[in-house]
Amino acid sequence: MATAVPIRILGVNAPEESAGNAGMCAGRVLPWLQDQKPPDAWHLWQADFRDVIVIDDENKVVSTYNLTIHDLGVPANYTELRTLLITAAGPAALTATRAPRR
């Protein structure tokens, strides 16, 4: 039996980009948050367009992975991001047996 990996993924939109929310959410199931000032996490994390900000259970940035530079259609990039997420999730995730979605 596969073990669930304790990872949550959601999108956070920059405070000044709220006009695009409807288009971003249409037909998608990914949770989408609209950042505001304050707290302005987008700028506190120094996020850029298409960044995946990996945070730990204390909301501290562990890693930043840009999807423009690292196309997930490239298997090595997909594996690299997957490994970052599993490592950040902690020891329980490292022992999980769930196979990658590919």
PDB file of N, CA and C in Angstrom:
ATOM      1  N   MET A   1       0.841  -1.187   0.000  1.00  0.00           N
ATOM      2  CA  MET A   1       0.000   0.000   0.000  1.00  0.00           C
ATOM      3  C   MET A   1       0.880   1.243   0.000  1.00  0.00           C
ATOM      4  N   ALA A   2       0.555   2.207  -0.823  1.00  0.00           N
ATOM      5  CA  ALA A   2       1.316   3.449  -0.906  1.00  0.00           C
ATOM      6  C   ALA A   2       1.020   4.332   0.299  1.00  0.00           C
ATOM      7  N   THR A   3       2.026   5.056   0.731  1.00  0.00           N
ATOM      8  CA  THR A   3       1.885   5.985   1.831  1.00  0.00           C
ATOM      9  C   THR A   3       1.676   7.388   1.265  1.00  0.00           C
ATOM     10  N   ALA A   4       0.724   8.104   1.809  1.00  0.00           N
ATOM     11  CA  ALA A   4       0.475   9.468   1.343  1.00  0.00           C
ATOM     12  C   ALA A   4       1.633  10.372   1.748  1.00  0.00           C
ATOM     13  N   VAL A   5       2.039  11.232   0.842  1.00  0.00           N
ATOM     14  CA  VAL A   5       3.105  12.191   1.111  1.00  0.00           C
ATOM     15  C   VAL A   5       2.464  13.492   1.587  1.00  0.00           C
ATOM     16  N   PRO A   6       2.882  14.007   2.764  1.00  0.00           N
ATOM     17  CA  PRO A   6       2.241  15.201   3.332  1.00  0.00           C
ATOM     18  C   PRO A   6       2.692  16.498   2.655  1.00  0.00           C
ATOM     19  N   ILE A   7       2.220  16.711   1.442  1.00  0.00           N
ATOM     20  CA  ILE A   7       2.579  17.908   0.677  1.00  0.00           C
ATOM     21  C   ILE A   7       1.301  18.607   0.247  1.00  0.00           C
ATOM     22  N   ARG A   8       1.273  19.920   0.422  1.00  0.00           N
ATOM     23  CA  ARG A   8       0.140  20.722  -0.052  1.00  0.00           C
ATOM     24  C   ARG A   8       0.671  21.709  -1.081  1.00  0.00           C
ATOM     25  N   ILE A   9      -0.048  21.834  -2.188  1.00  0.00           N
ATOM     26  CA  ILE A   9       0.348  22.748  -3.250  1.00  0.00           C
ATOM     27  C   ILE A   9      -0.785  23.740  -3.486  1.00  0.00           C
ATOM     28  N   LEU A  10      -0.432  25.020  -3.567  1.00  0.00           N
ATOM     29  CA  LEU A  10      -1.409  26.055  -3.866  1.00  0.00           C
ATOM     30  C   LEU A  10      -0.706  27.185  -4.592  1.00  0.00           C
ATOM     31  N   GLY A  11      -1.482  28.001  -5.249  1.00  0.00           N
ATOM     32  CA  GLY A  11      -0.933  29.158  -5.949  1.00  0.00           C
ATOM     33  C   GLY A  11      -1.142  30.409  -5.137  1.00  0.00           C
ATOM     34  N   VAL A  12      -0.183  31.324  -5.217  1.00  0.00           N
ATOM     35  CA  VAL A  12      -0.301  32.618  -4.560  1.00  0.00           C
ATOM     36  C   VAL A  12      -0.038  33.691  -5.614  1.00  0.00           C
ATOM     37  N   ASN A  13      -1.000  34.544  -5.820  1.00  0.00           N
ATOM     38  CA  ASN A  13      -0.896  35.602  -6.815  1.00  0.00           C
ATOM     39  C   ASN A  13      -0.326  36.872  -6.183  1.00  0.00           C
ATOM     40  N   ALA A  14       0.503  37.580  -6.938  1.00  0.00           N
ATOM     41  CA  ALA A  14       1.090  38.838  -6.460  1.00  0.00           C
ATOM     42  C   ALA A  14      -0.016  39.847  -6.160  1.00  0.00           C
ATOM     43  N   PRO A  15       0.181  40.707  -5.155  1.00  0.00           N
ATOM     44  CA  PRO A  15      -0.856  41.670  -4.774  1.00  0.00           C
ATOM     45  C   PRO A  15      -1.368  42.528  -5.927  1.00  0.00           C
ATOM     46  N   GLU A  16      -0.487  42.928  -6.826  1.00  0.00           N
ATOM     47  CA  GLU A  16      -0.881  43.825  -7.912  1.00  0.00           C
ATOM     48  C   GLU A  16      -1.415  43.111  -9.150  1.00  0.00           C
ATOM     49  N   GLU A  17      -1.586  41.805  -9.080  1.00  0.00           N
ATOM     50  CA  GLU A  17      -2.022  41.017 -10.247  1.00  0.00           C
ATOM     51  C   GLU A  17      -3.407  40.410 -10.091  1.00  0.00           C
ATOM     52  N   SER A  18      -4.249  40.963  -9.253  1.00  0.00           N
ATOM     53  CA  SER A  18      -5.552  40.367  -8.953  1.00  0.00           C
ATOM     54  C   SER A  18      -6.489  40.303 -10.160  1.00  0.00           C
ATOM     55  N   ALA A  19      -6.284  41.124 -11.159  1.00  0.00           N
ATOM     56  CA  ALA A  19      -7.167  41.127 -12.332  1.00  0.00           C
ATOM     57  C   ALA A  19      -7.154  39.795 -13.081  1.00  0.00           C
ATOM     58  N   GLY A  20      -6.100  39.024 -12.946  1.00  0.00           N
ATOM     59  CA  GLY A  20      -5.999  37.752 -13.659  1.00  0.00           C
ATOM     60  C   GLY A  20      -6.534  36.547 -12.910  1.00  0.00           C
ATOM     61  N   ASN A  21      -7.098  36.742 -11.729  1.00  0.00           N
ATOM     62  CA  ASN A  21      -7.552  35.615 -10.909  1.00  0.00           C
ATOM     63  C   ASN A  21      -8.617  34.754 -11.581  1.00  0.00           C
ATOM     64  N   ALA A  22      -9.613  35.355 -12.177  1.00  0.00           N
ATOM     65  CA  ALA A  22     -10.699  34.579 -12.786  1.00  0.00           C
ATOM     66  C   ALA A  22     -10.167  33.658 -13.875  1.00  0.00           C
ATOM     67  N   GLY A  23      -9.295  34.169 -14.731  1.00  0.00           N
ATOM     68  CA  GLY A  23      -8.723  33.348 -15.791  1.00  0.00           C
ATOM     69  C   GLY A  23      -7.837  32.247 -15.257  1.00  0.00           C
ATOM     70  N   MET A  24      -7.099  32.536 -14.207  1.00  0.00           N
ATOM     71  CA  MET A  24      -6.207  31.528 -13.621  1.00  0.00           C
ATOM     72  C   MET A  24      -6.995  30.403 -12.973  1.00  0.00           C
ATOM     73  N   CYS A  25      -8.132  30.704 -12.407  1.00  0.00           N
ATOM     74  CA  CYS A  25      -8.907  29.705 -11.668  1.00  0.00           C
ATOM     75  C   CYS A  25      -9.882  28.917 -12.537  1.00  0.00           C
ATOM     76  N   ALA A  26     -10.197  29.429 -13.709  1.00  0.00           N
ATOM     77  CA  ALA A  26     -11.195  28.784 -14.571  1.00  0.00           C
ATOM     78  C   ALA A  26     -10.763  27.368 -14.963  1.00  0.00           C
ATOM     79  N   GLY A  27     -11.592  26.389 -14.597  1.00  0.00           N
ATOM     80  CA  GLY A  27     -11.350  25.006 -14.977  1.00  0.00           C
ATOM     81  C   GLY A  27     -10.219  24.324 -14.232  1.00  0.00           C
ATOM     82  N   ARG A  28      -9.770  24.896 -13.129  1.00  0.00           N
ATOM     83  CA  ARG A  28      -8.655  24.305 -12.377  1.00  0.00           C
ATOM     84  C   ARG A  28      -9.113  23.947 -10.968  1.00  0.00           C
ATOM     85  N   VAL A  29      -8.364  23.024 -10.353  1.00  0.00           N
ATOM     86  CA  VAL A  29      -8.688  22.622  -8.987  1.00  0.00           C
ATOM     87  C   VAL A  29      -7.614  23.044  -7.984  1.00  0.00           C
ATOM     88  N   LEU A  30      -6.513  23.608  -8.449  1.00  0.00           N
ATOM     89  CA  LEU A  30      -5.443  24.056  -7.569  1.00  0.00           C
ATOM     90  C   LEU A  30      -5.940  25.226  -6.717  1.00  0.00           C
ATOM     91  N   PRO A  31      -5.805  25.129  -5.392  1.00  0.00           N
ATOM     92  CA  PRO A  31      -6.197  26.268  -4.560  1.00  0.00           C
ATOM     93  C   PRO A  31      -5.392  27.516  -4.949  1.00  0.00           C
ATOM     94  N   TRP A  32      -6.061  28.656  -5.018  1.00  0.00           N
ATOM     95  CA  TRP A  32      -5.442  29.896  -5.483  1.00  0.00           C
ATOM     96  C   TRP A  32      -5.705  30.995  -4.473  1.00  0.00           C
ATOM     97  N   LEU A  33      -4.652  31.592  -3.940  1.00  0.00           N
ATOM     98  CA  LEU A  33      -4.777  32.656  -2.956  1.00  0.00           C
ATOM     99  C   LEU A  33      -4.353  33.985  -3.561  1.00  0.00           C
ATOM    100  N   GLN A  34      -5.029  35.032  -3.176  1.00  0.00           N
ATOM    101  CA  GLN A  34      -4.650  36.381  -3.607  1.00  0.00           C
ATOM    102  C   GLN A  34      -3.881  37.044  -2.487  1.00  0.00           C
ATOM    103  N   ASP A  35      -2.595  37.251  -2.691  1.00  0.00           N
ATOM    104  CA  ASP A  35      -1.760  37.930  -1.707  1.00  0.00           C
ATOM    105  C   ASP A  35      -2.203  39.387  -1.600  1.00  0.00           C
ATOM    106  N   GLN A  36      -2.009  39.969  -0.456  1.00  0.00           N
ATOM    107  CA  GLN A  36      -2.368  41.368  -0.219  1.00  0.00           C
ATOM    108  C   GLN A  36      -1.226  42.057   0.509  1.00  0.00           C
ATOM    109  N   LYS A  37      -1.298  43.380   0.551  1.00  0.00           N
ATOM    110  CA  LYS A  37      -0.324  44.159   1.321  1.00  0.00           C
ATOM    111  C   LYS A  37      -1.014  44.675   2.554  1.00  0.00           C
ATOM    112  N   PRO A  38      -0.590  44.370   3.734  1.00  0.00           N
ATOM    113  CA  PRO A  38       0.273  43.249   4.074  1.00  0.00           C
ATOM    114  C   PRO A  38      -0.489  41.933   4.007  1.00  0.00           C
ATOM    115  N   PRO A  39       0.080  40.775   4.006  1.00  0.00           N
ATOM    116  CA  PRO A  39       1.461  40.488   4.370  1.00  0.00           C
ATOM    117  C   PRO A  39       2.437  40.566   3.196  1.00  0.00           C
ATOM    118  N   ASP A  40       1.955  40.487   1.949  1.00  0.00           N
ATOM    119  CA  ASP A  40       2.806  40.581   0.775  1.00  0.00           C
ATOM    120  C   ASP A  40       3.885  39.505   0.760  1.00  0.00           C
ATOM    121  N   ALA A  41       3.444  38.269   0.932  1.00  0.00           N
ATOM    122  CA  ALA A  41       4.363  37.123   0.908  1.00  0.00           C
ATOM    123  C   ALA A  41       5.114  37.041  -0.414  1.00  0.00           C
ATOM    124  N   TRP A  42       4.442  37.411  -1.508  1.00  0.00           N
ATOM    125  CA  TRP A  42       5.061  37.367  -2.840  1.00  0.00           C
ATOM    126  C   TRP A  42       6.400  38.121  -2.833  1.00  0.00           C
ATOM    127  N   HIS A  43       6.399  39.334  -2.286  1.00  0.00           N
ATOM    128  CA  HIS A  43       7.628  40.129  -2.266  1.00  0.00           C
ATOM    129  C   HIS A  43       8.548  39.740  -1.117  1.00  0.00           C
ATOM    130  N   LEU A  44       7.991  39.346   0.011  1.00  0.00           N
ATOM    131  CA  LEU A  44       8.828  38.872   1.123  1.00  0.00           C
ATOM    132  C   LEU A  44       9.636  37.644   0.710  1.00  0.00           C
ATOM    133  N   TRP A  45       9.026  36.777  -0.102  1.00  0.00           N
ATOM    134  CA  TRP A  45       9.715  35.576  -0.585  1.00  0.00           C
ATOM    135  C   TRP A  45      10.537  35.859  -1.843  1.00  0.00           C
ATOM    136  N   GLN A  46      10.501  37.094  -2.344  1.00  0.00           N
ATOM    137  CA  GLN A  46      11.200  37.491  -3.563  1.00  0.00           C
ATOM    138  C   GLN A  46      10.797  36.595  -4.739  1.00  0.00           C
ATOM    139  N   ALA A  47       9.500  36.347  -4.840  1.00  0.00           N
ATOM    140  CA  ALA A  47       8.964  35.466  -5.879  1.00  0.00           C
ATOM    141  C   ALA A  47       9.013  36.146  -7.238  1.00  0.00           C
ATOM    142  N   ASP A  48       9.113  35.323  -8.259  1.00  0.00           N
ATOM    143  CA  ASP A  48       9.054  35.781  -9.637  1.00  0.00           C
ATOM    144  C   ASP A  48       7.954  34.973 -10.327  1.00  0.00           C
ATOM    145  N   PHE A  49       7.528  35.432 -11.504  1.00  0.00           N
ATOM    146  CA  PHE A  49       6.506  34.738 -12.279  1.00  0.00           C
ATOM    147  C   PHE A  49       6.903  33.280 -12.478  1.00  0.00           C
ATOM    148  N   ARG A  50       5.997  32.356 -12.168  1.00  0.00           N
ATOM    149  CA  ARG A  50       6.144  30.911 -12.327  1.00  0.00           C
ATOM    150  C   ARG A  50       7.130  30.279 -11.350  1.00  0.00           C
ATOM    151  N   ASP A  51       7.386  30.930 -10.223  1.00  0.00           N
ATOM    152  CA  ASP A  51       8.227  30.328  -9.190  1.00  0.00           C
ATOM    153  C   ASP A  51       7.416  29.347  -8.360  1.00  0.00           C
ATOM    154  N   VAL A  52       8.026  28.238  -8.032  1.00  0.00           N
ATOM    155  CA  VAL A  52       7.502  27.328  -7.020  1.00  0.00           C
ATOM    156  C   VAL A  52       8.338  27.612  -5.780  1.00  0.00           C
ATOM    157  N   ILE A  53       7.687  28.144  -4.753  1.00  0.00           N
ATOM    158  CA  ILE A  53       8.372  28.439  -3.497  1.00  0.00           C
ATOM    159  C   ILE A  53       8.083  27.273  -2.564  1.00  0.00           C
ATOM    160  N   VAL A  54       9.116  26.547  -2.207  1.00  0.00           N
ATOM    161  CA  VAL A  54       8.975  25.401  -1.314  1.00  0.00           C
ATOM    162  C   VAL A  54       9.228  25.904   0.095  1.00  0.00           C
ATOM    163  N   ILE A  55       8.229  25.717   0.974  1.00  0.00           N
ATOM    164  CA  ILE A  55       8.367  26.155   2.360  1.00  0.00           C
ATOM    165  C   ILE A  55       8.241  24.957   3.296  1.00  0.00           C
ATOM    166  N   ASP A  56       8.782  25.122   4.486  1.00  0.00           N
ATOM    167  CA  ASP A  56       8.696  24.052   5.478  1.00  0.00           C
ATOM    168  C   ASP A  56       7.443  24.242   6.335  1.00  0.00           C
ATOM    169  N   ASP A  57       7.319  23.421   7.356  1.00  0.00           N
ATOM    170  CA  ASP A  57       6.117  23.485   8.195  1.00  0.00           C
ATOM    171  C   ASP A  57       6.058  24.737   9.067  1.00  0.00           C
ATOM    172  N   GLU A  58       7.111  25.561   9.048  1.00  0.00           N
ATOM    173  CA  GLU A  58       7.115  26.836   9.763  1.00  0.00           C
ATOM    174  C   GLU A  58       7.032  28.019   8.790  1.00  0.00           C
ATOM    175  N   ASN A  59       6.668  27.733   7.534  1.00  0.00           N
ATOM    176  CA  ASN A  59       6.543  28.734   6.471  1.00  0.00           C
ATOM    177  C   ASN A  59       7.854  29.440   6.135  1.00  0.00           C
ATOM    178  N   LYS A  60       8.963  28.762   6.346  1.00  0.00           N
ATOM    179  CA  LYS A  60      10.268  29.297   5.967  1.00  0.00           C
ATOM    180  C   LYS A  60      10.636  28.740   4.594  1.00  0.00           C
ATOM    181  N   VAL A  61      11.173  29.609   3.733  1.00  0.00           N
ATOM    182  CA  VAL A  61      11.541  29.191   2.382  1.00  0.00           C
ATOM    183  C   VAL A  61      12.690  28.191   2.444  1.00  0.00           C
ATOM    184  N   VAL A  62      12.459  27.043   1.801  1.00  0.00           N
ATOM    185  CA  VAL A  62      13.469  25.994   1.705  1.00  0.00           C
ATOM    186  C   VAL A  62      14.172  26.096   0.362  1.00  0.00           C
ATOM    187  N   SER A  63      13.396  26.381  -0.684  1.00  0.00           N
ATOM    188  CA  SER A  63      13.947  26.419  -2.040  1.00  0.00           C
ATOM    189  C   SER A  63      12.988  27.180  -2.957  1.00  0.00           C
ATOM    190  N   THR A  64      13.524  27.697  -4.047  1.00  0.00           N
ATOM    191  CA  THR A  64      12.730  28.327  -5.096  1.00  0.00           C
ATOM    192  C   THR A  64      13.065  27.629  -6.409  1.00  0.00           C
ATOM    193  N   TYR A  65      12.028  27.251  -7.155  1.00  0.00           N
ATOM    194  CA  TYR A  65      12.210  26.497  -8.399  1.00  0.00           C
ATOM    195  C   TYR A  65      11.352  27.148  -9.472  1.00  0.00           C
ATOM    196  N   ASN A  66      11.973  27.742 -10.486  1.00  0.00           N
ATOM    197  CA  ASN A  66      11.229  28.471 -11.503  1.00  0.00           C
ATOM    198  C   ASN A  66      10.838  27.556 -12.659  1.00  0.00           C
ATOM    199  N   LEU A  67       9.542  27.546 -12.995  1.00  0.00           N
ATOM    200  CA  LEU A  67       9.026  26.656 -14.038  1.00  0.00           C
ATOM    201  C   LEU A  67       9.255  27.177 -15.451  1.00  0.00           C
ATOM    202  N   THR A  68       9.644  28.430 -15.595  1.00  0.00           N
ATOM    203  CA  THR A  68      10.023  28.928 -16.914  1.00  0.00           C
ATOM    204  C   THR A  68      11.406  28.391 -17.276  1.00  0.00           C
ATOM    205  N   ILE A  69      12.300  28.428 -16.330  1.00  0.00           N
ATOM    206  CA  ILE A  69      13.660  27.921 -16.539  1.00  0.00           C
ATOM    207  C   ILE A  69      13.681  26.399 -16.554  1.00  0.00           C
ATOM    208  N   HIS A  70      12.880  25.784 -15.691  1.00  0.00           N
ATOM    209  CA  HIS A  70      12.862  24.321 -15.533  1.00  0.00           C
ATOM    210  C   HIS A  70      11.519  23.767 -16.010  1.00  0.00           C
ATOM    211  N   ASP A  71      11.393  23.560 -17.297  1.00  0.00           N
ATOM    212  CA  ASP A  71      10.172  23.019 -17.903  1.00  0.00           C
ATOM    213  C   ASP A  71       9.885  21.631 -17.335  1.00  0.00           C
ATOM    214  N   LEU A  72       8.698  21.452 -16.746  1.00  0.00           N
ATOM    215  CA  LEU A  72       8.363  20.147 -16.154  1.00  0.00           C
ATOM    216  C   LEU A  72       8.084  19.078 -17.199  1.00  0.00           C
ATOM    217  N   GLY A  73       8.053  19.451 -18.478  1.00  0.00           N
ATOM    218  CA  GLY A  73       7.965  18.468 -19.548  1.00  0.00           C
ATOM    219  C   GLY A  73       9.272  17.699 -19.720  1.00  0.00           C
ATOM    220  N   VAL A  74      10.345  18.218 -19.137  1.00  0.00           N
ATOM    221  CA  VAL A  74      11.646  17.543 -19.148  1.00  0.00           C
ATOM    222  C   VAL A  74      11.696  16.640 -17.919  1.00  0.00           C
ATOM    223  N   PRO A  75      11.786  15.321 -18.115  1.00  0.00           N
ATOM    224  CA  PRO A  75      11.737  14.383 -16.978  1.00  0.00           C
ATOM    225  C   PRO A  75      12.715  14.701 -15.844  1.00  0.00           C
ATOM    226  N   ALA A  76      13.905  15.149 -16.155  1.00  0.00           N
ATOM    227  CA  ALA A  76      14.879  15.459 -15.098  1.00  0.00           C
ATOM    228  C   ALA A  76      14.405  16.627 -14.234  1.00  0.00           C
ATOM    229  N   ASN A  77      13.757  17.617 -14.842  1.00  0.00           N
ATOM    230  CA  ASN A  77      13.229  18.754 -14.078  1.00  0.00           C
ATOM    231  C   ASN A  77      12.072  18.324 -13.188  1.00  0.00           C
ATOM    232  N   TYR A  78      11.186  17.503 -13.727  1.00  0.00           N
ATOM    233  CA  TYR A  78      10.059  16.974 -12.953  1.00  0.00           C
ATOM    234  C   TYR A  78      10.578  16.231 -11.727  1.00  0.00           C
ATOM    235  N   THR A  79      11.565  15.383 -11.937  1.00  0.00           N
ATOM    236  CA  THR A  79      12.138  14.592 -10.844  1.00  0.00           C
ATOM    237  C   THR A  79      12.822  15.487  -9.823  1.00  0.00           C
ATOM    238  N   GLU A  80      13.509  16.518 -10.295  1.00  0.00           N
ATOM    239  CA  GLU A  80      14.194  17.433  -9.392  1.00  0.00           C
ATOM    240  C   GLU A  80      13.200  18.174  -8.495  1.00  0.00           C
ATOM    241  N   LEU A  81      12.114  18.688  -9.067  1.00  0.00           N
ATOM    242  CA  LEU A  81      11.105  19.383  -8.265  1.00  0.00           C
ATOM    243  C   LEU A  81      10.420  18.418  -7.308  1.00  0.00           C
ATOM    244  N   ARG A  82      10.088  17.248  -7.786  1.00  0.00           N
ATOM    245  CA  ARG A  82       9.449  16.231  -6.934  1.00  0.00           C
ATOM    246  C   ARG A  82      10.336  15.920  -5.725  1.00  0.00           C
ATOM    247  N   THR A  83      11.630  15.769  -5.962  1.00  0.00           N
ATOM    248  CA  THR A  83      12.566  15.487  -4.878  1.00  0.00           C
ATOM    249  C   THR A  83      12.636  16.640  -3.890  1.00  0.00           C
ATOM    250  N   LEU A  84      12.635  17.888  -4.396  1.00  0.00           N
ATOM    251  CA  LEU A  84      12.624  19.061  -3.500  1.00  0.00           C
ATOM    252  C   LEU A  84      11.398  19.051  -2.592  1.00  0.00           C
ATOM    253  N   LEU A  85      10.241  18.755  -3.168  1.00  0.00           N
ATOM    254  CA  LEU A  85       8.999  18.740  -2.396  1.00  0.00           C
ATOM    255  C   LEU A  85       9.003  17.637  -1.341  1.00  0.00           C
ATOM    256  N   ILE A  86       9.421  16.455  -1.730  1.00  0.00           N
ATOM    257  CA  ILE A  86       9.443  15.325  -0.794  1.00  0.00           C
ATOM    258  C   ILE A  86      10.446  15.570   0.323  1.00  0.00           C
ATOM    259  N   THR A  87      11.609  16.103  -0.016  1.00  0.00           N
ATOM    260  CA  THR A  87      12.624  16.390   1.002  1.00  0.00           C
ATOM    261  C   THR A  87      12.117  17.438   1.990  1.00  0.00           C
ATOM    262  N   ALA A  88      11.458  18.474   1.489  1.00  0.00           N
ATOM    263  CA  ALA A  88      10.934  19.526   2.360  1.00  0.00           C
ATOM    264  C   ALA A  88       9.818  19.011   3.262  1.00  0.00           C
ATOM    265  N   ALA A  89       9.096  17.992   2.804  1.00  0.00           N
ATOM    266  CA  ALA A  89       7.992  17.437   3.598  1.00  0.00           C
ATOM    267  C   ALA A  89       8.489  16.684   4.823  1.00  0.00           C
ATOM    268  N   GLY A  90       9.758  16.318   4.837  1.00  0.00           N
ATOM    269  CA  GLY A  90      10.335  15.698   6.019  1.00  0.00           C
ATOM    270  C   GLY A  90      10.495  14.205   5.931  1.00  0.00           C
ATOM    271  N   PRO A  91      10.957  13.601   7.020  1.00  0.00           N
ATOM    272  CA  PRO A  91      11.294  12.177   7.044  1.00  0.00           C
ATOM    273  C   PRO A  91      10.149  11.239   6.643  1.00  0.00           C
ATOM    274  N   ALA A  92       8.921  11.563   7.017  1.00  0.00           N
ATOM    275  CA  ALA A  92       7.796  10.685   6.663  1.00  0.00           C
ATOM    276  C   ALA A  92       7.648  10.583   5.151  1.00  0.00           C
ATOM    277  N   ALA A  93       7.888  11.678   4.457  1.00  0.00           N
ATOM    278  CA  ALA A  93       7.754  11.677   2.993  1.00  0.00           C
ATOM    279  C   ALA A  93       8.865  10.890   2.328  1.00  0.00           C
ATOM    280  N   LEU A  94      10.055  10.894   2.934  1.00  0.00           N
ATOM    281  CA  LEU A  94      11.179  10.190   2.333  1.00  0.00           C
ATOM    282  C   LEU A  94      10.976   8.675   2.322  1.00  0.00           C
ATOM    283  N   THR A  95      10.133   8.174   3.217  1.00  0.00           N
ATOM    284  CA  THR A  95       9.885   6.742   3.270  1.00  0.00           C
ATOM    285  C   THR A  95       8.618   6.336   2.521  1.00  0.00           C
ATOM    286  N   ALA A  96       7.931   7.294   1.967  1.00  0.00           N
ATOM    287  CA  ALA A  96       6.704   7.008   1.223  1.00  0.00           C
ATOM    288  C   ALA A  96       7.010   6.186  -0.012  1.00  0.00           C
ATOM    289  N   THR A  97       6.079   5.343  -0.392  1.00  0.00           N
ATOM    290  CA  THR A  97       6.296   4.451  -1.521  1.00  0.00           C
ATOM    291  C   THR A  97       5.491   4.842  -2.748  1.00  0.00           C
ATOM    292  N   ARG A  98       4.812   5.963  -2.704  1.00  0.00           N
ATOM    293  CA  ARG A  98       3.978   6.400  -3.828  1.00  0.00           C
ATOM    294  C   ARG A  98       4.833   6.666  -5.053  1.00  0.00           C
ATOM    295  N   ALA A  99       4.421   6.142  -6.185  1.00  0.00           N
ATOM    296  CA  ALA A  99       5.157   6.338  -7.435  1.00  0.00           C
ATOM    297  C   ALA A  99       4.854   7.706  -8.017  1.00  0.00           C
ATOM    298  N   PRO A 100       5.793   8.282  -8.787  1.00  0.00           N
ATOM    299  CA  PRO A 100       5.539   9.581  -9.421  1.00  0.00           C
ATOM    300  C   PRO A 100       4.421   9.501 -10.432  1.00  0.00           C
ATOM    301  N   ARG A 101       3.701  10.615 -10.628  1.00  0.00           N
ATOM    302  CA  ARG A 101       2.606  10.692 -11.596  1.00  0.00           C
ATOM    303  C   ARG A 101       3.160  10.956 -12.980  1.00  0.00           C
ATOM    304  N   ARG A 102       3.657   9.988 -13.636  1.00  0.00           N
ATOM    305  CA  ARG A 102       4.166  10.139 -15.002  1.00  0.00           C
ATOM    306  C   ARG A 102       3.892   8.898 -15.772  1.00  0.00           C
TER     307      ARG A 102
END
